[in-house]
Amino acid sequence: MSEKKIIISPSILSADFANLERDIKLVEKCGADWIHVDVMDGHFVPNITIGVPVVKSLKKITKLPLDVHLMIENPDKYVEPFAKSGADILTFHYEAVKDCDVSALIRKIKSFGVKSGISIKPKTKPDVLMPYLDEVDMVLVMTVEPGFGGQKFMQDCAQKIEFIKNNSSENLIIQVDGGINAQTGKICVDYGANSLVAGSYIYGAPDVNKAIESLRL
């Protein structure tokens, strides 16, 4: 997998919210592939971040795909507004949906011409994803507890990547989010990840271009 291009998706959670356009154009110029947008509702996770109007505004200032991570309760309720606002990928949490509703939610996301993703929190075992690996476009493995930036990478969570890789097609995007830097990113890629989300490592770097490139090695 490391021979293939790694999709780098900088998280704007670590950007300067007063200068989002500047910071998005910076990572775009430095070679980012996607823009990762963390949506938090204050219920599923403790913090509250951005919503539909901001995603709609971001769509106007970047050509990069908007990789929207819904860390919210009742994600079904918000699929249509986020899809229509310009999200290119919509990822919901397995823990936020009843088992009987997961496949229906995946189909709903795809009905808007948007890629579908499913994410699991650190305490969730990867085998719960088995029924859905052929239905989704992407699996997002959280290697920190969702809701806060700048947390320490949990390597035991990264080990889930190998299980997912071994039970899915080679077309599945396996994304990792949480404590990603050059060292932890390599660990994830070695397990089989092909997309890395990084926030503070990229936006806190003295050289953003070098930080992004280091994640491809």
Protein backbone atom coordinates (compact mmCIF):
# COMPACT_ATOMS: atom_id res chain seq x y z
CA MET A 1 0.00 0.00 0.00
CA SER A 2 2.85 2.42 0.74
CA GLU A 3 3.72 2.31 -2.97
CA LYS A 4 0.41 3.96 -3.78
CA LYS A 5 -0.28 7.63 -3.22
CA ILE A 6 -1.30 8.47 0.33
CA ILE A 7 -4.25 10.86 0.46
CA ILE A 8 -3.36 13.71 2.82
CA SER A 9 -6.35 15.47 4.39
CA PRO A 10 -5.32 18.39 6.64
CA SER A 11 -7.82 19.00 9.43
CA ILE A 12 -8.96 22.60 9.63
CA LEU A 13 -9.73 22.01 13.31
CA SER A 14 -6.13 23.12 13.80
CA ALA A 15 -6.33 26.04 11.39
CA ASP A 16 -6.87 29.67 12.34
CA PHE A 17 -10.65 30.06 12.18
CA ALA A 18 -10.25 33.80 11.71
CA ASN A 19 -8.22 33.08 8.56
CA LEU A 20 -9.72 29.88 7.19
CA GLU A 21 -9.45 30.91 3.56
CA ARG A 22 -5.76 31.73 3.99
CA ASP A 23 -5.04 28.46 5.80
CA ILE A 24 -6.96 26.31 3.33
CA LYS A 25 -5.23 27.90 0.37
CA LEU A 26 -1.90 27.33 2.14
CA VAL A 27 -2.34 23.56 2.40
CA GLU A 28 -3.81 23.44 -1.09
CA LYS A 29 -0.69 25.15 -2.42
CA CYS A 30 1.52 22.78 -0.43
CA GLY A 31 0.05 19.64 -1.96
CA ALA A 32 -2.85 18.56 0.24
CA ASP A 33 -5.29 16.21 -1.47
CA TRP A 34 -8.45 16.84 0.57
CA ILE A 35 -9.64 19.24 3.26
CA HIS A 36 -10.82 17.50 6.43
CA VAL A 37 -13.76 19.22 8.10
CA ASP A 38 -14.62 18.11 11.64
CA VAL A 39 -18.29 18.66 12.47
CA MET A 40 -19.07 18.35 16.20
CA ASP A 41 -22.42 18.84 17.87
CA GLY A 42 -21.63 19.05 21.59
CA HIS A 43 -23.56 15.80 22.18
CA PHE A 44 -21.84 12.91 20.40
CA VAL A 45 -18.57 14.62 21.34
CA PRO A 46 -18.13 17.38 23.95
CA ASN A 47 -17.11 20.21 21.63
CA ILE A 48 -19.06 22.21 19.07
CA THR A 49 -17.39 23.24 15.81
CA ILE A 50 -18.73 24.15 12.40
CA GLY A 51 -21.86 23.40 10.44
CA VAL A 52 -23.51 23.56 7.04
CA PRO A 53 -23.04 27.32 6.34
CA VAL A 54 -19.27 27.06 6.84
CA VAL A 55 -18.98 24.02 4.55
CA LYS A 56 -20.94 25.92 1.92
CA SER A 57 -18.50 28.83 2.24
CA LEU A 58 -15.46 26.56 2.09
CA LYS A 59 -16.70 25.06 -1.17
CA LYS A 60 -16.37 28.49 -2.78
CA ILE A 61 -12.70 28.93 -1.89
CA THR A 62 -11.11 25.57 -2.67
CA LYS A 63 -11.07 23.06 -5.50
CA LEU A 64 -10.03 20.27 -3.14
CA PRO A 65 -12.61 17.69 -2.07
CA LEU A 66 -14.25 18.47 1.26
CA ASP A 67 -13.81 15.46 3.54
CA VAL A 68 -16.56 16.03 6.10
CA HIS A 69 -16.41 14.01 9.33
CA LEU A 70 -19.77 14.01 11.13
CA MET A 71 -19.09 13.56 14.85
CA ILE A 72 -22.76 14.09 15.59
CA GLU A 73 -25.87 12.35 16.80
CA ASN A 74 -28.62 11.60 14.27
CA PRO A 75 -26.35 11.93 11.21
CA ASP A 76 -29.22 10.85 8.94
CA LYS A 77 -30.90 14.18 9.63
CA TYR A 78 -27.95 16.15 8.26
CA VAL A 79 -26.86 14.17 5.21
CA GLU A 80 -28.90 16.17 2.72
CA PRO A 81 -27.90 19.65 3.95
CA PHE A 82 -24.21 18.78 4.10
CA ALA A 83 -24.31 17.06 0.71
CA LYS A 84 -26.03 20.06 -0.85
CA SER A 85 -23.60 22.46 0.84
CA GLY A 86 -20.70 20.89 -1.05
CA ALA A 87 -19.37 17.94 0.95
CA ASP A 88 -17.59 15.44 -1.32
CA ILE A 89 -17.15 12.76 1.34
CA LEU A 90 -19.50 12.32 4.30
CA THR A 91 -18.29 10.12 7.13
CA PHE A 92 -20.60 9.21 10.00
CA HIS A 93 -19.87 7.28 13.19
CA TYR A 94 -20.99 3.70 13.56
CA GLU A 95 -21.67 4.46 17.23
CA ALA A 96 -24.18 7.19 16.30
CA VAL A 97 -26.43 4.88 14.25
CA LYS A 98 -28.46 1.78 15.06
CA ASP A 99 -27.19 -1.34 13.29
CA CYS A 100 -30.40 -1.68 11.31
CA ASP A 101 -29.97 1.83 9.91
CA VAL A 102 -26.31 1.75 8.82
CA SER A 103 -26.81 0.40 5.30
CA ALA A 104 -29.74 2.75 4.70
CA LEU A 105 -27.62 5.71 5.75
CA ILE A 106 -24.80 4.66 3.42
CA ARG A 107 -27.27 4.45 0.54
CA LYS A 108 -28.71 7.84 1.41
CA ILE A 109 -25.27 9.48 1.35
CA LYS A 110 -24.49 7.93 -2.03
CA SER A 111 -27.84 9.02 -3.43
CA PHE A 112 -26.54 12.59 -3.39
CA GLY A 113 -23.46 11.66 -5.41
CA VAL A 114 -21.26 11.87 -2.32
CA LYS A 115 -18.71 9.29 -1.18
CA SER A 116 -19.75 7.49 2.00
CA GLY A 117 -17.50 6.88 4.97
CA ILE A 118 -17.98 5.13 8.30
CA SER A 119 -15.86 5.77 11.38
CA ILE A 120 -15.20 3.92 14.63
CA LYS A 121 -14.05 5.30 17.96
CA PRO A 122 -11.04 3.83 19.83
CA LYS A 123 -13.09 1.45 22.01
CA THR A 124 -15.11 0.03 19.09
CA LYS A 125 -13.90 -3.26 17.66
CA PRO A 126 -13.32 -3.31 13.89
CA ASP A 127 -15.37 -6.46 13.33
CA VAL A 128 -18.58 -4.43 13.67
CA LEU A 129 -17.72 -3.00 10.24
CA MET A 130 -17.69 -6.37 8.47
CA PRO A 131 -21.24 -6.10 7.04
CA TYR A 132 -20.49 -2.69 5.55
CA LEU A 133 -17.00 -2.92 4.08
CA ASP A 134 -18.36 -3.62 0.60
CA GLU A 135 -20.90 -0.80 0.86
CA VAL A 136 -18.81 2.20 1.94
CA ASP A 137 -16.13 4.10 0.04
CA MET A 138 -14.06 4.81 3.14
CA VAL A 139 -13.46 3.63 6.69
CA LEU A 140 -12.06 6.15 9.18
CA VAL A 141 -10.17 4.68 12.11
CA MET A 142 -9.89 7.05 15.06
CA THR A 143 -6.58 6.75 16.89
CA VAL A 144 -7.65 9.28 19.53
CA GLU A 145 -10.99 9.93 21.22
CA PRO A 146 -12.96 12.14 18.83
CA GLY A 147 -13.73 15.68 19.87
CA PHE A 148 -10.38 17.28 20.58
CA GLY A 149 -7.28 18.13 18.55
CA GLY A 150 -3.69 17.54 19.65
CA GLN A 151 -4.18 14.20 21.43
CA LYS A 152 -1.61 11.42 21.68
CA PHE A 153 -1.70 8.64 19.08
CA MET A 154 -3.02 5.25 20.27
CA GLN A 155 -1.10 2.54 18.44
CA ASP A 156 -3.40 -0.25 19.62
CA CYS A 157 -6.20 1.49 17.72
CA ALA A 158 -4.05 1.64 14.59
CA GLN A 159 -3.82 -2.15 14.65
CA LYS A 160 -7.48 -2.20 13.54
CA ILE A 161 -6.29 -1.00 10.14
CA GLU A 162 -4.74 -4.37 9.35
CA PHE A 163 -7.99 -6.20 10.12
CA ILE A 164 -9.96 -3.82 7.89
CA LYS A 165 -7.38 -4.08 5.11
CA ASN A 166 -7.45 -7.87 5.19
CA ASN A 167 -11.25 -7.99 4.97
CA SER A 168 -11.92 -5.38 2.29
CA SER A 169 -11.31 -4.72 -1.37
CA GLU A 170 -8.23 -2.82 -2.48
CA ASN A 171 -10.49 0.05 -3.57
CA LEU A 172 -11.54 0.87 -0.01
CA ILE A 173 -10.02 4.06 1.37
CA ILE A 174 -8.73 3.42 4.88
CA GLN A 175 -8.27 6.73 6.63
CA VAL A 176 -6.71 7.40 10.03
CA ASP A 177 -7.24 10.42 12.25
CA GLY A 178 -5.64 11.26 15.58
CA GLY A 179 -2.10 12.12 16.62
CA ILE A 180 -0.78 11.73 13.08
CA ASN A 181 2.77 12.87 12.30
CA ALA A 182 5.57 11.47 10.13
CA GLN A 183 6.29 8.61 12.56
CA THR A 184 2.73 7.60 13.44
CA GLY A 185 1.63 8.11 9.85
CA LYS A 186 4.21 5.57 8.69
CA ILE A 187 2.92 3.08 11.28
CA CYS A 188 -0.60 3.49 9.88
CA VAL A 189 0.51 3.18 6.26
CA ASP A 190 2.47 0.05 7.11
CA TYR A 191 -0.71 -1.43 8.56
CA GLY A 192 -2.54 -0.62 5.31
CA ALA A 193 -3.91 2.92 5.60
CA ASN A 194 -3.99 5.02 2.43
CA SER A 195 -5.34 8.29 3.80
CA LEU A 196 -4.02 10.35 6.72
CA VAL A 197 -5.71 13.19 8.55
CA ALA A 198 -3.37 15.57 10.35
CA GLY A 199 -4.16 18.84 12.04
CA SER A 200 -1.65 20.26 14.48
CA TYR A 201 1.26 18.44 12.79
CA ILE A 202 0.56 20.30 9.56
CA TYR A 203 -0.75 23.63 10.76
CA GLY A 204 1.80 23.87 13.58
CA ALA A 205 4.74 23.10 11.32
CA PRO A 206 7.34 25.75 10.44
CA ASP A 207 7.26 24.37 6.89
CA VAL A 208 3.80 23.15 5.90
CA ASN A 209 4.99 21.78 2.57
CA LYS A 210 7.61 19.58 4.28
CA ALA A 211 5.08 18.41 6.87
CA ILE A 212 2.66 17.27 4.17
CA GLU A 213 5.40 15.59 2.12
CA SER A 214 6.72 13.78 5.20
CA LEU A 215 3.37 12.01 5.51
CA ARG A 216 3.80 10.45 2.07
CA LEU A 217 7.08 8.73 2.93
